[in-house]
Amino acid sequence: MSQAAIDRLEEKLAYQEKTIDELSEVIATQARQIDLIEARLRRLMEREATREAEGTGGVILGDERPPHY
Protein backbone atom coordinates (compact mmCIF):
# COMPACT_ATOMS: atom_id res chain seq x y z
CA MET A 1 0.00 0.00 0.00
CA SER A 2 1.38 3.38 -0.93
CA GLN A 3 2.00 6.17 1.54
CA ALA A 4 -0.68 8.29 -0.14
CA ALA A 5 -3.27 5.53 0.40
CA ILE A 6 -2.24 5.19 4.04
CA ASP A 7 -2.49 8.95 4.49
CA ARG A 8 -6.02 8.94 3.00
CA LEU A 9 -7.08 6.12 5.31
CA GLU A 10 -5.63 7.91 8.34
CA GLU A 11 -7.46 11.09 7.33
CA LYS A 12 -10.75 9.20 6.95
CA LEU A 13 -10.24 7.52 10.31
CA ALA A 14 -9.55 10.83 12.03
CA TYR A 15 -12.67 12.35 10.47
CA GLN A 16 -14.78 9.37 11.55
CA GLU A 17 -13.43 9.51 15.11
CA LYS A 18 -14.24 13.23 15.30
CA THR A 19 -17.76 12.62 13.95
CA ILE A 20 -18.35 9.80 16.43
CA ASP A 21 -17.23 12.00 19.33
CA GLU A 22 -19.53 14.82 18.22
CA LEU A 23 -22.50 12.47 17.81
CA SER A 24 -21.80 10.93 21.19
CA GLU A 25 -21.96 14.37 22.80
CA VAL A 26 -25.23 15.13 20.99
CA ILE A 27 -26.73 11.88 22.26
CA ALA A 28 -25.55 12.56 25.81
CA THR A 29 -27.10 16.06 25.69
CA GLN A 30 -30.36 14.68 24.35
CA ALA A 31 -30.44 12.00 27.06
CA ARG A 32 -30.07 14.68 29.75
CA GLN A 33 -32.85 16.73 28.15
CA ILE A 34 -35.14 13.69 27.94
CA ASP A 35 -34.50 12.89 31.61
CA LEU A 36 -35.40 16.46 32.56
CA ILE A 37 -38.56 16.43 30.44
CA GLU A 38 -39.63 13.08 31.89
CA ALA A 39 -39.14 14.38 35.44
CA ARG A 40 -41.20 17.49 34.67
CA LEU A 41 -43.94 15.42 33.06
CA ARG A 42 -44.02 13.09 36.07
CA ARG A 43 -44.42 16.08 38.42
CA LEU A 44 -47.20 17.56 36.26
CA MET A 45 -49.02 14.23 36.18
CA GLU A 46 -48.73 13.89 39.95
CA ARG A 47 -49.97 17.45 40.43
CA GLU A 48 -52.95 16.86 38.14
CA ALA A 49 -53.77 13.57 39.87
CA THR A 50 -53.77 15.43 43.20
CA ARG A 51 -56.09 18.11 41.79
CA GLU A 52 -58.46 15.46 40.46
CA ALA A 53 -58.46 13.65 43.80
CA GLU A 54 -59.19 16.91 45.64
CA GLY A 55 -61.83 17.89 43.12
CA THR A 56 -60.19 21.25 42.38
CA GLY A 57 -59.76 20.74 38.67
CA GLY A 58 -61.40 24.06 37.86
CA VAL A 59 -63.70 22.72 35.17
CA ILE A 60 -66.65 25.00 34.29
CA LEU A 61 -69.79 23.01 33.59
CA GLY A 62 -72.82 24.15 31.62
CA ASP A 63 -74.35 27.42 32.84
CA GLU A 64 -71.97 27.78 35.72
CA ARG A 65 -70.38 31.22 35.84
CA PRO A 66 -66.60 31.46 36.07
CA PRO A 67 -65.33 32.67 39.46
CA HIS A 68 -64.27 36.07 38.09
CA TYR A 69 -67.92 37.14 37.48
C-alpha atoms as a PDB file:
ATOM      1  CA  MET A   1       0.000   0.000   0.000  1.00  0.00           C
ATOM      2  CA  SER A   2       1.381   3.383  -0.929  1.00  0.00           C
ATOM      3  CA  GLN A   3       2.003   6.172   1.541  1.00  0.00           C
ATOM      4  CA  ALA A   4      -0.684   8.291  -0.140  1.00  0.00           C
ATOM      5  CA  ALA A   5      -3.271   5.534   0.396  1.00  0.00           C
ATOM      6  CA  ILE A   6      -2.240   5.190   4.040  1.00  0.00           C
ATOM      7  CA  ASP A   7      -2.493   8.952   4.490  1.00  0.00           C
ATOM      8  CA  ARG A   8      -6.021   8.944   3.005  1.00  0.00           C
ATOM      9  CA  LEU A   9      -7.080   6.117   5.312  1.00  0.00           C
ATOM     10  CA  GLU A  10      -5.633   7.906   8.345  1.00  0.00           C
ATOM     11  CA  GLU A  11      -7.462  11.086   7.335  1.00  0.00           C
ATOM     12  CA  LYS A  12     -10.749   9.203   6.949  1.00  0.00           C
ATOM     13  CA  LEU A  13     -10.243   7.515  10.313  1.00  0.00           C
ATOM     14  CA  ALA A  14      -9.545  10.833  12.033  1.00  0.00           C
ATOM     15  CA  TYR A  15     -12.672  12.355  10.473  1.00  0.00           C
ATOM     16  CA  GLN A  16     -14.779   9.372  11.553  1.00  0.00           C
ATOM     17  CA  GLU A  17     -13.432   9.510  15.111  1.00  0.00           C
ATOM     18  CA  LYS A  18     -14.243  13.232  15.297  1.00  0.00           C
ATOM     19  CA  THR A  19     -17.759  12.623  13.953  1.00  0.00           C
ATOM     20  CA  ILE A  20     -18.354   9.795  16.432  1.00  0.00           C
ATOM     21  CA  ASP A  21     -17.225  11.996  19.327  1.00  0.00           C
ATOM     22  CA  GLU A  22     -19.532  14.820  18.217  1.00  0.00           C
ATOM     23  CA  LEU A  23     -22.495  12.473  17.807  1.00  0.00           C
ATOM     24  CA  SER A  24     -21.800  10.930  21.187  1.00  0.00           C
ATOM     25  CA  GLU A  25     -21.963  14.369  22.799  1.00  0.00           C
ATOM     26  CA  VAL A  26     -25.229  15.131  20.994  1.00  0.00           C
ATOM     27  CA  ILE A  27     -26.731  11.877  22.257  1.00  0.00           C
ATOM     28  CA  ALA A  28     -25.553  12.563  25.810  1.00  0.00           C
ATOM     29  CA  THR A  29     -27.100  16.059  25.695  1.00  0.00           C
ATOM     30  CA  GLN A  30     -30.365  14.682  24.353  1.00  0.00           C
ATOM     31  CA  ALA A  31     -30.442  12.000  27.061  1.00  0.00           C
ATOM     32  CA  ARG A  32     -30.074  14.679  29.755  1.00  0.00           C
ATOM     33  CA  GLN A  33     -32.852  16.727  28.150  1.00  0.00           C
ATOM     34  CA  ILE A  34     -35.137  13.687  27.945  1.00  0.00           C
ATOM     35  CA  ASP A  35     -34.498  12.891  31.612  1.00  0.00           C
ATOM     36  CA  LEU A  36     -35.400  16.460  32.562  1.00  0.00           C
ATOM     37  CA  ILE A  37     -38.562  16.431  30.441  1.00  0.00           C
ATOM     38  CA  GLU A  38     -39.626  13.077  31.894  1.00  0.00           C
ATOM     39  CA  ALA A  39     -39.142  14.380  35.437  1.00  0.00           C
ATOM     40  CA  ARG A  40     -41.200  17.489  34.672  1.00  0.00           C
ATOM     41  CA  LEU A  41     -43.935  15.422  33.060  1.00  0.00           C
ATOM     42  CA  ARG A  42     -44.020  13.088  36.070  1.00  0.00           C
ATOM     43  CA  ARG A  43     -44.420  16.076  38.422  1.00  0.00           C
ATOM     44  CA  LEU A  44     -47.197  17.556  36.263  1.00  0.00           C
ATOM     45  CA  MET A  45     -49.025  14.232  36.178  1.00  0.00           C
ATOM     46  CA  GLU A  46     -48.725  13.891  39.949  1.00  0.00           C
ATOM     47  CA  ARG A  47     -49.969  17.451  40.428  1.00  0.00           C
ATOM     48  CA  GLU A  48     -52.949  16.855  38.138  1.00  0.00           C
ATOM     49  CA  ALA A  49     -53.767  13.567  39.870  1.00  0.00           C
ATOM     50  CA  THR A  50     -53.770  15.434  43.197  1.00  0.00           C
ATOM     51  CA  ARG A  51     -56.089  18.107  41.790  1.00  0.00           C
ATOM     52  CA  GLU A  52     -58.465  15.464  40.461  1.00  0.00           C
ATOM     53  CA  ALA A  53     -58.456  13.652  43.804  1.00  0.00           C
ATOM     54  CA  GLU A  54     -59.193  16.906  45.637  1.00  0.00           C
ATOM     55  CA  GLY A  55     -61.832  17.891  43.116  1.00  0.00           C
ATOM     56  CA  THR A  56     -60.192  21.248  42.383  1.00  0.00           C
ATOM     57  CA  GLY A  57     -59.764  20.744  38.670  1.00  0.00           C
ATOM     58  CA  GLY A  58     -61.402  24.056  37.863  1.00  0.00           C
ATOM     59  CA  VAL A  59     -63.704  22.715  35.167  1.00  0.00           C
ATOM     60  CA  ILE A  60     -66.647  25.003  34.295  1.00  0.00           C
ATOM     61  CA  LEU A  61     -69.793  23.011  33.592  1.00  0.00           C
ATOM     62  CA  GLY A  62     -72.817  24.150  31.619  1.00  0.00           C
ATOM     63  CA  ASP A  63     -74.354  27.421  32.835  1.00  0.00           C
ATOM     64  CA  GLU A  64     -71.974  27.779  35.722  1.00  0.00           C
ATOM     65  CA  ARG A  65     -70.383  31.221  35.842  1.00  0.00           C
ATOM     66  CA  PRO A  66     -66.604  31.460  36.068  1.00  0.00           C
ATOM     67  CA  PRO A  67     -65.325  32.672  39.460  1.00  0.00           C
ATOM     68  CA  HIS A  68     -64.267  36.072  38.095  1.00  0.00           C
ATOM     69  CA  TYR A  69     -67.922  37.145  37.477  1.00  0.00           C
END
